[in-house]
């Protein structure tokens, strides 16, 4: 706060000083060149008073106006505090509204419901995403991809907690497709966050054996290499 206030004050003072400097320069020029005066017969004291009125008024406006505006729009106490914006981005909100309208118009359309669930997930509305995916499962029956998406939404809904319910959903998905991308990625991510690096690597390696080419294999390989380095560093630290 103090740094900001000093900065604003310094800028305002510099501007006011420039106004007065310009005024004095103009005044000296006027006195040195009588033909430029407004009226050579006018009382000198009155002329000086009039001449000082303009820069004084400008100075007052330059100081008061910014302070009044900033007092209404600014936040001195929050200028240096980074705060996470918890509001949904307007583009994501628009996407949610668009997909919600389609899902409402076509309640039995699995694609529309999946798109809506994806929008909810992108907006951090995980509970709504789970509800929407339940509707998809009710229409399509157990589908590994949908189950994996539901497990992921449940995981983040529960603040990155791998609950028993979520584990059961993952087991159902992998029983149907041992290479389900979302399920394996979620298990690996949770293991990594809990520093169970061996488990994380094992599930990433299963992903690499998948016949699917729809994901970034280079990123998975890079994650494995970095995690192996963490294991090596941990072993060195433990042996010291």
C-alpha atoms as a PDB file:
ATOM      1  CA  UNK A   1       0.000   0.000   0.000  1.00  0.00           C
ATOM      2  CA  UNK A   2       2.731   2.511   0.991  1.00  0.00           C
ATOM      3  CA  UNK A   3       4.691   1.944  -2.220  1.00  0.00           C
ATOM      4  CA  UNK A   4       1.591   2.491  -4.336  1.00  0.00           C
ATOM      5  CA  UNK A   5       0.615   5.641  -2.420  1.00  0.00           C
ATOM      6  CA  UNK A   6       4.127   7.071  -2.743  1.00  0.00           C
ATOM      7  CA  UNK A   7       4.149   6.281  -6.455  1.00  0.00           C
ATOM      8  CA  UNK A   8       0.805   7.982  -7.051  1.00  0.00           C
ATOM      9  CA  UNK A   9       1.831  10.986  -4.954  1.00  0.00           C
ATOM     10  CA  UNK A  10       5.140  11.331  -6.784  1.00  0.00           C
ATOM     11  CA  UNK A  11       3.435  11.262 -10.187  1.00  0.00           C
ATOM     12  CA  UNK A  12       0.879  13.852  -9.129  1.00  0.00           C
ATOM     13  CA  UNK A  13       3.528  16.163  -7.649  1.00  0.00           C
ATOM     14  CA  UNK A  14       5.637  15.920 -10.798  1.00  0.00           C
ATOM     15  CA  UNK A  15       2.632  16.858 -12.912  1.00  0.00           C
ATOM     16  CA  UNK A  16       1.741  19.811 -10.683  1.00  0.00           C
ATOM     17  CA  UNK A  17       5.371  20.979 -10.663  1.00  0.00           C
ATOM     18  CA  UNK A  18       5.412  20.851 -14.460  1.00  0.00           C
ATOM     19  CA  UNK A  19       2.236  22.977 -14.609  1.00  0.00           C
ATOM     20  CA  UNK A  20       3.731  25.620 -12.320  1.00  0.00           C
ATOM     21  CA  UNK A  21       7.064  25.560 -14.140  1.00  0.00           C
ATOM     22  CA  UNK A  22       5.291  26.108 -17.435  1.00  0.00           C
ATOM     23  CA  UNK A  23       3.249  28.913 -15.867  1.00  0.00           C
ATOM     24  CA  UNK A  24       6.351  30.698 -14.506  1.00  0.00           C
ATOM     25  CA  UNK A  25       8.097  30.391 -17.847  1.00  0.00           C
ATOM     26  CA  UNK A  26       5.097  31.886 -19.598  1.00  0.00           C
ATOM     27  CA  UNK A  27       4.875  34.633 -16.974  1.00  0.00           C
ATOM     28  CA  UNK A  28       8.531  35.589 -17.397  1.00  0.00           C
ATOM     29  CA  UNK A  29       8.074  35.690 -21.160  1.00  0.00           C
ATOM     30  CA  UNK A  30       4.991  37.880 -20.740  1.00  0.00           C
ATOM     31  CA  UNK A  31       6.818  40.334 -18.475  1.00  0.00           C
ATOM     32  CA  UNK A  32       9.806  40.430 -20.802  1.00  0.00           C
ATOM     33  CA  UNK A  33       7.552  41.165 -23.787  1.00  0.00           C
ATOM     34  CA  UNK A  34       5.090  43.939 -22.835  1.00  0.00           C
ATOM     35  CA  UNK A  35       3.168  43.726 -26.111  1.00  0.00           C
ATOM     36  CA  UNK A  36       2.088  40.177 -25.129  1.00  0.00           C
ATOM     37  CA  UNK A  37       0.354  41.276 -21.927  1.00  0.00           C
ATOM     38  CA  UNK A  38      -3.399  41.223 -21.838  1.00  0.00           C
ATOM     39  CA  UNK A  39      -3.684  44.882 -20.930  1.00  0.00           C
ATOM     40  CA  UNK A  40      -0.624  46.994 -20.119  1.00  0.00           C
ATOM     41  CA  UNK A  41      -2.760  49.435 -18.106  1.00  0.00           C
ATOM     42  CA  UNK A  42      -4.254  46.690 -15.834  1.00  0.00           C
ATOM     43  CA  UNK A  43      -3.284  46.711 -12.173  1.00  0.00           C
ATOM     44  CA  UNK A  44      -0.193  44.492 -11.671  1.00  0.00           C
ATOM     45  CA  UNK A  45      -1.468  42.837  -8.451  1.00  0.00           C
ATOM     46  CA  UNK A  46      -4.749  41.925 -10.119  1.00  0.00           C
ATOM     47  CA  UNK A  47      -2.943  40.500 -13.127  1.00  0.00           C
ATOM     48  CA  UNK A  48      -0.719  38.358 -10.919  1.00  0.00           C
ATOM     49  CA  UNK A  49      -3.745  37.080  -8.987  1.00  0.00           C
ATOM     50  CA  UNK A  50      -5.538  36.196 -12.207  1.00  0.00           C
ATOM     51  CA  UNK A  51      -2.472  34.521 -13.638  1.00  0.00           C
ATOM     52  CA  UNK A  52      -2.062  32.373 -10.512  1.00  0.00           C
ATOM     53  CA  UNK A  53      -5.687  31.299 -10.521  1.00  0.00           C
ATOM     54  CA  UNK A  54      -5.343  29.099 -13.618  1.00  0.00           C
ATOM     55  CA  UNK A  55      -2.378  26.938 -12.489  1.00  0.00           C
ATOM     56  CA  UNK A  56      -3.838  26.726  -8.980  1.00  0.00           C
ATOM     57  CA  UNK A  57      -7.144  25.453 -10.354  1.00  0.00           C
ATOM     58  CA  UNK A  58      -5.359  22.997 -12.648  1.00  0.00           C
ATOM     59  CA  UNK A  59      -3.245  21.745  -9.732  1.00  0.00           C
ATOM     60  CA  UNK A  60      -6.296  21.182  -7.559  1.00  0.00           C
ATOM     61  CA  UNK A  61      -8.066  19.298 -10.325  1.00  0.00           C
ATOM     62  CA  UNK A  62      -4.977  17.143 -11.022  1.00  0.00           C
ATOM     63  CA  UNK A  63      -4.708  16.166  -7.363  1.00  0.00           C
ATOM     64  CA  UNK A  64      -8.349  15.843  -6.340  1.00  0.00           C
ATOM     65  CA  UNK A  65      -9.803  14.180  -9.436  1.00  0.00           C
ATOM     66  CA  UNK A  66      -7.484  11.108  -9.517  1.00  0.00           C
ATOM     67  CA  UNK A  67      -7.884  10.624  -5.764  1.00  0.00           C
ATOM     68  CA  UNK A  68     -11.675  10.769  -5.994  1.00  0.00           C
ATOM     69  CA  UNK A  69     -11.757   8.345  -8.928  1.00  0.00           C
ATOM     70  CA  UNK A  70      -9.361   5.889  -7.298  1.00  0.00           C
ATOM     71  CA  UNK A  71     -11.216   6.033  -3.999  1.00  0.00           C
ATOM     72  CA  UNK A  72     -14.291   4.827  -5.866  1.00  0.00           C
ATOM     73  CA  UNK A  73     -12.657   2.271  -8.171  1.00  0.00           C
ATOM     74  CA  UNK A  74      -9.349   1.304  -6.588  1.00  0.00           C
ATOM     75  CA  UNK A  75      -8.451  -0.925  -3.644  1.00  0.00           C
ATOM     76  CA  UNK A  76      -5.369   0.320  -1.842  1.00  0.00           C
ATOM     77  CA  UNK A  77      -5.319  -2.615   0.551  1.00  0.00           C
ATOM     78  CA  UNK A  78      -5.559  -5.265  -2.186  1.00  0.00           C
ATOM     79  CA  UNK A  79      -3.247  -4.019  -4.925  1.00  0.00           C
ATOM     80  CA  UNK A  80      -0.459  -6.491  -4.088  1.00  0.00           C
ATOM     81  CA  UNK A  81      -2.585  -9.492  -3.131  1.00  0.00           C
ATOM     82  CA  UNK A  82      -2.985 -12.248  -5.707  1.00  0.00           C
ATOM     83  CA  UNK A  83      -6.454 -13.733  -5.373  1.00  0.00           C
ATOM     84  CA  UNK A  84      -7.748 -16.714  -7.285  1.00  0.00           C
ATOM     85  CA  UNK A  85     -10.818 -15.800  -9.294  1.00  0.00           C
ATOM     86  CA  UNK A  86     -13.427 -18.308  -8.245  1.00  0.00           C
ATOM     87  CA  UNK A  87     -15.893 -17.201 -10.895  1.00  0.00           C
ATOM     88  CA  UNK A  88     -16.263 -19.361 -13.982  1.00  0.00           C
ATOM     89  CA  UNK A  89     -14.684 -17.891 -17.067  1.00  0.00           C
ATOM     90  CA  UNK A  90     -17.378 -16.312 -19.220  1.00  0.00           C
ATOM     91  CA  UNK A  91     -16.441 -18.474 -22.215  1.00  0.00           C
ATOM     92  CA  UNK A  92     -16.806 -21.649 -20.156  1.00  0.00           C
ATOM     93  CA  UNK A  93     -20.077 -20.322 -18.719  1.00  0.00           C
ATOM     94  CA  UNK A  94     -21.341 -19.700 -22.237  1.00  0.00           C
ATOM     95  CA  UNK A  95     -20.313 -23.218 -23.241  1.00  0.00           C
ATOM     96  CA  UNK A  96     -22.131 -24.667 -20.215  1.00  0.00           C
ATOM     97  CA  UNK A  97     -25.289 -22.729 -21.076  1.00  0.00           C
ATOM     98  CA  UNK A  98     -25.139 -23.832 -24.701  1.00  0.00           C
ATOM     99  CA  UNK A  99     -24.654 -27.498 -23.844  1.00  0.00           C
ATOM    100  CA  UNK A 100     -27.242 -27.350 -21.057  1.00  0.00           C
ATOM    101  CA  UNK A 101     -29.782 -26.041 -23.545  1.00  0.00           C
ATOM    102  CA  UNK A 102     -28.993 -28.872 -25.972  1.00  0.00           C
ATOM    103  CA  UNK A 103     -29.214 -31.474 -23.202  1.00  0.00           C
ATOM    104  CA  UNK A 104     -32.558 -30.029 -22.087  1.00  0.00           C
ATOM    105  CA  UNK A 105     -33.897 -30.139 -25.646  1.00  0.00           C
ATOM    106  CA  UNK A 106     -32.523 -33.660 -26.206  1.00  0.00           C
ATOM    107  CA  UNK A 107     -32.521 -35.397 -22.804  1.00  0.00           C
ATOM    108  CA  UNK A 108     -31.810 -38.807 -24.370  1.00  0.00           C
ATOM    109  CA  UNK A 109     -28.899 -37.617 -26.491  1.00  0.00           C
ATOM    110  CA  UNK A 110     -25.754 -39.169 -24.982  1.00  0.00           C
ATOM    111  CA  UNK A 111     -23.406 -36.881 -26.931  1.00  0.00           C
ATOM    112  CA  UNK A 112     -25.212 -33.781 -25.696  1.00  0.00           C
ATOM    113  CA  UNK A 113     -25.018 -35.036 -22.113  1.00  0.00           C
ATOM    114  CA  UNK A 114     -21.329 -35.917 -22.451  1.00  0.00           C
ATOM    115  CA  UNK A 115     -20.595 -32.456 -23.825  1.00  0.00           C
ATOM    116  CA  UNK A 116     -22.445 -30.914 -20.895  1.00  0.00           C
ATOM    117  CA  UNK A 117     -20.525 -33.058 -18.405  1.00  0.00           C
ATOM    118  CA  UNK A 118     -17.263 -31.993 -20.028  1.00  0.00           C
ATOM    119  CA  UNK A 119     -18.287 -28.343 -19.763  1.00  0.00           C
ATOM    120  CA  UNK A 120     -19.123 -28.760 -16.093  1.00  0.00           C
ATOM    121  CA  UNK A 121     -15.730 -30.378 -15.499  1.00  0.00           C
ATOM    122  CA  UNK A 122     -13.893 -27.542 -17.249  1.00  0.00           C
ATOM    123  CA  UNK A 123     -15.813 -25.081 -15.089  1.00  0.00           C
ATOM    124  CA  UNK A 124     -14.964 -26.940 -11.889  1.00  0.00           C
ATOM    125  CA  UNK A 125     -18.590 -27.952 -11.321  1.00  0.00           C
ATOM    126  CA  UNK A 126     -17.680 -31.550 -10.570  1.00  0.00           C
ATOM    127  CA  UNK A 127     -20.845 -32.476  -8.664  1.00  0.00           C
ATOM    128  CA  UNK A 128     -22.967 -31.447 -11.656  1.00  0.00           C
ATOM    129  CA  UNK A 129     -20.625 -33.348 -13.958  1.00  0.00           C
ATOM    130  CA  UNK A 130     -21.159 -36.523 -11.887  1.00  0.00           C
ATOM    131  CA  UNK A 131     -24.938 -36.079 -12.028  1.00  0.00           C
ATOM    132  CA  UNK A 132     -24.835 -35.616 -15.798  1.00  0.00           C
ATOM    133  CA  UNK A 133     -22.588 -38.647 -16.326  1.00  0.00           C
ATOM    134  CA  UNK A 134     -25.008 -40.732 -14.259  1.00  0.00           C
ATOM    135  CA  UNK A 135     -27.665 -39.812 -16.811  1.00  0.00           C
ATOM    136  CA  UNK A 136     -25.375 -40.950 -19.614  1.00  0.00           C
ATOM    137  CA  UNK A 137     -24.729 -44.262 -17.860  1.00  0.00           C
ATOM    138  CA  UNK A 138     -28.457 -44.739 -17.352  1.00  0.00           C
ATOM    139  CA  UNK A 139     -28.913 -44.440 -21.113  1.00  0.00           C
ATOM    140  CA  UNK A 140     -25.871 -46.349 -22.344  1.00  0.00           C
ATOM    141  CA  UNK A 141     -25.165 -48.797 -19.547  1.00  0.00           C
ATOM    142  CA  UNK A 142     -21.642 -49.324 -18.247  1.00  0.00           C
ATOM    143  CA  UNK A 143     -19.161 -47.752 -20.621  1.00  0.00           C
ATOM    144  CA  UNK A 144     -15.467 -47.634 -19.594  1.00  0.00           C
ATOM    145  CA  UNK A 145     -14.851 -44.129 -20.922  1.00  0.00           C
ATOM    146  CA  UNK A 146     -17.921 -42.708 -19.184  1.00  0.00           C
ATOM    147  CA  UNK A 147     -17.094 -44.529 -15.961  1.00  0.00           C
ATOM    148  CA  UNK A 148     -13.560 -43.148 -16.106  1.00  0.00           C
ATOM    149  CA  UNK A 149     -14.866 -39.628 -16.600  1.00  0.00           C
ATOM    150  CA  UNK A 150     -17.268 -40.075 -13.693  1.00  0.00           C
ATOM    151  CA  UNK A 151     -14.498 -41.364 -11.416  1.00  0.00           C
ATOM    152  CA  UNK A 152     -12.346 -38.374 -12.321  1.00  0.00           C
ATOM    153  CA  UNK A 153     -15.172 -35.927 -11.601  1.00  0.00           C
ATOM    154  CA  UNK A 154     -15.853 -37.663  -8.279  1.00  0.00           C
ATOM    155  CA  UNK A 155     -12.161 -37.504  -7.373  1.00  0.00           C
ATOM    156  CA  UNK A 156     -11.925 -33.736  -7.903  1.00  0.00           C
ATOM    157  CA  UNK A 157     -15.354 -33.185  -6.373  1.00  0.00           C
ATOM    158  CA  UNK A 158     -13.979 -34.788  -3.216  1.00  0.00           C
ATOM    159  CA  UNK A 159     -10.929 -32.510  -3.199  1.00  0.00           C
ATOM    160  CA  UNK A 160      -8.558 -35.043  -4.754  1.00  0.00           C
ATOM    161  CA  UNK A 161      -9.531 -37.833  -2.422  1.00  0.00           C
ATOM    162  CA  UNK A 162      -9.636 -41.391  -3.705  1.00  0.00           C
ATOM    163  CA  UNK A 163     -12.750 -42.593  -1.924  1.00  0.00           C
ATOM    164  CA  UNK A 164     -13.931 -46.184  -1.861  1.00  0.00           C
ATOM    165  CA  UNK A 165     -16.812 -45.238  -4.149  1.00  0.00           C
ATOM    166  CA  UNK A 166     -14.431 -43.719  -6.689  1.00  0.00           C
ATOM    167  CA  UNK A 167     -12.157 -46.788  -6.514  1.00  0.00           C
ATOM    168  CA  UNK A 168     -15.148 -49.030  -7.242  1.00  0.00           C
ATOM    169  CA  UNK A 169     -16.053 -46.962 -10.320  1.00  0.00           C
ATOM    170  CA  UNK A 170     -12.447 -47.203 -11.527  1.00  0.00           C
ATOM    171  CA  UNK A 171     -12.444 -50.968 -11.053  1.00  0.00           C
ATOM    172  CA  UNK A 172     -15.628 -51.259 -13.126  1.00  0.00           C
ATOM    173  CA  UNK A 173     -14.095 -49.153 -15.901  1.00  0.00           C
ATOM    174  CA  UNK A 174     -10.847 -51.137 -16.021  1.00  0.00           C
ATOM    175  CA  UNK A 175     -12.726 -54.434 -15.931  1.00  0.00           C
ATOM    176  CA  UNK A 176     -14.361 -53.349 -19.187  1.00  0.00           C
ATOM    177  CA  UNK A 177     -11.214 -51.839 -20.712  1.00  0.00           C
ATOM    178  CA  UNK A 178      -7.828 -52.399 -19.084  1.00  0.00           C
ATOM    179  CA  UNK A 179      -6.401 -49.513 -21.117  1.00  0.00           C
ATOM    180  CA  UNK A 180      -9.071 -46.907 -20.323  1.00  0.00           C
ATOM    181  CA  UNK A 181      -7.111 -43.687 -20.515  1.00  0.00           C
ATOM    182  CA  UNK A 182      -9.032 -41.583 -17.988  1.00  0.00           C
ATOM    183  CA  UNK A 183      -9.047 -44.324 -15.345  1.00  0.00           C
ATOM    184  CA  UNK A 184      -5.348 -45.142 -15.623  1.00  0.00           C
ATOM    185  CA  UNK A 185      -4.385 -41.495 -15.722  1.00  0.00           C
ATOM    186  CA  UNK A 186      -6.431 -40.766 -12.603  1.00  0.00           C
ATOM    187  CA  UNK A 187      -4.885 -43.652 -10.660  1.00  0.00           C
ATOM    188  CA  UNK A 188      -1.376 -42.592 -11.726  1.00  0.00           C
ATOM    189  CA  UNK A 189      -2.052 -38.958 -10.844  1.00  0.00           C
ATOM    190  CA  UNK A 190      -3.367 -39.830  -7.394  1.00  0.00           C
ATOM    191  CA  UNK A 191      -0.417 -42.143  -6.744  1.00  0.00           C
ATOM    192  CA  UNK A 192       2.029 -39.446  -7.824  1.00  0.00           C
ATOM    193  CA  UNK A 193       0.419 -36.805  -5.615  1.00  0.00           C
ATOM    194  CA  UNK A 194       0.674 -39.208  -2.679  1.00  0.00           C
ATOM    195  CA  UNK A 195       4.344 -39.903  -3.554  1.00  0.00           C
ATOM    196  CA  UNK A 196       3.649 -43.517  -4.451  1.00  0.00           C
ATOM    197  CA  UNK A 197       5.909 -43.138  -7.452  1.00  0.00           C
ATOM    198  CA  UNK A 198       6.232 -46.834  -8.274  1.00  0.00           C
ATOM    199  CA  UNK A 199       2.469 -47.176  -8.575  1.00  0.00           C
ATOM    200  CA  UNK A 200       2.261 -44.063 -10.736  1.00  0.00           C
ATOM    201  CA  UNK A 201       4.930 -45.382 -13.103  1.00  0.00           C
ATOM    202  CA  UNK A 202       3.251 -48.791 -13.307  1.00  0.00           C
ATOM    203  CA  UNK A 203      -0.026 -47.267 -14.492  1.00  0.00           C
ATOM    204  CA  UNK A 204       1.667 -44.895 -16.922  1.00  0.00           C
ATOM    205  CA  UNK A 205       3.455 -47.900 -18.412  1.00  0.00           C
ATOM    206  CA  UNK A 206       0.132 -49.678 -18.851  1.00  0.00           C
ATOM    207  CA  UNK A 207      -1.049 -46.624 -20.777  1.00  0.00           C
ATOM    208  CA  UNK A 208       1.973 -46.863 -23.065  1.00  0.00           C
ATOM    209  CA  UNK A 209       1.034 -50.450 -23.897  1.00  0.00           C
ATOM    210  CA  UNK A 210      -2.380 -49.284 -25.034  1.00  0.00           C
ATOM    211  CA  UNK A 211      -3.051 -49.662 -28.777  1.00  0.00           C
ATOM    212  CA  UNK A 212      -4.706 -46.231 -28.730  1.00  0.00           C
ATOM    213  CA  UNK A 213      -2.743 -43.381 -30.279  1.00  0.00           C
ATOM    214  CA  UNK A 214      -5.101 -40.625 -29.115  1.00  0.00           C
ATOM    215  CA  UNK A 215      -2.963 -39.357 -26.254  1.00  0.00           C
ATOM    216  CA  UNK A 216       0.450 -37.740 -25.915  1.00  0.00           C
ATOM    217  CA  UNK A 217       2.864 -40.617 -25.397  1.00  0.00           C
ATOM    218  CA  UNK A 218       5.840 -38.266 -25.201  1.00  0.00           C
ATOM    219  CA  UNK A 219       4.265 -36.535 -22.194  1.00  0.00           C
ATOM    220  CA  UNK A 220       3.722 -39.889 -20.462  1.00  0.00           C
ATOM    221  CA  UNK A 221       7.320 -40.940 -21.133  1.00  0.00           C
ATOM    222  CA  UNK A 222       8.558 -37.621 -19.793  1.00  0.00           C
ATOM    223  CA  UNK A 223       6.465 -38.068 -16.636  1.00  0.00           C
ATOM    224  CA  UNK A 224       7.962 -41.544 -16.123  1.00  0.00           C
ATOM    225  CA  UNK A 225      11.538 -40.249 -16.522  1.00  0.00           C
ATOM    226  CA  UNK A 226      10.997 -37.425 -14.050  1.00  0.00           C
ATOM    227  CA  UNK A 227       9.348 -39.754 -11.542  1.00  0.00           C
ATOM    228  CA  UNK A 228      12.181 -42.285 -11.864  1.00  0.00           C
ATOM    229  CA  UNK A 229      14.577 -39.445 -11.078  1.00  0.00           C
ATOM    230  CA  UNK A 230      12.557 -38.648  -7.966  1.00  0.00           C
ATOM    231  CA  UNK A 231      12.841 -42.297  -6.884  1.00  0.00           C
ATOM    232  CA  UNK A 232      16.599 -42.204  -7.475  1.00  0.00           C
ATOM    233  CA  UNK A 233      16.968 -38.978  -5.505  1.00  0.00           C
ATOM    234  CA  UNK A 234      14.903 -40.415  -2.672  1.00  0.00           C
ATOM    235  CA  UNK A 235      17.102 -43.516  -2.559  1.00  0.00           C
ATOM    236  CA  UNK A 236      20.255 -41.400  -2.401  1.00  0.00           C
ATOM    237  CA  UNK A 237      18.820 -39.298   0.397  1.00  0.00           C
ATOM    238  CA  UNK A 238      17.764 -42.369   2.362  1.00  0.00           C
ATOM    239  CA  UNK A 239      21.234 -43.931   2.063  1.00  0.00           C
ATOM    240  CA  UNK A 240      23.044 -40.867   3.404  1.00  0.00           C
END
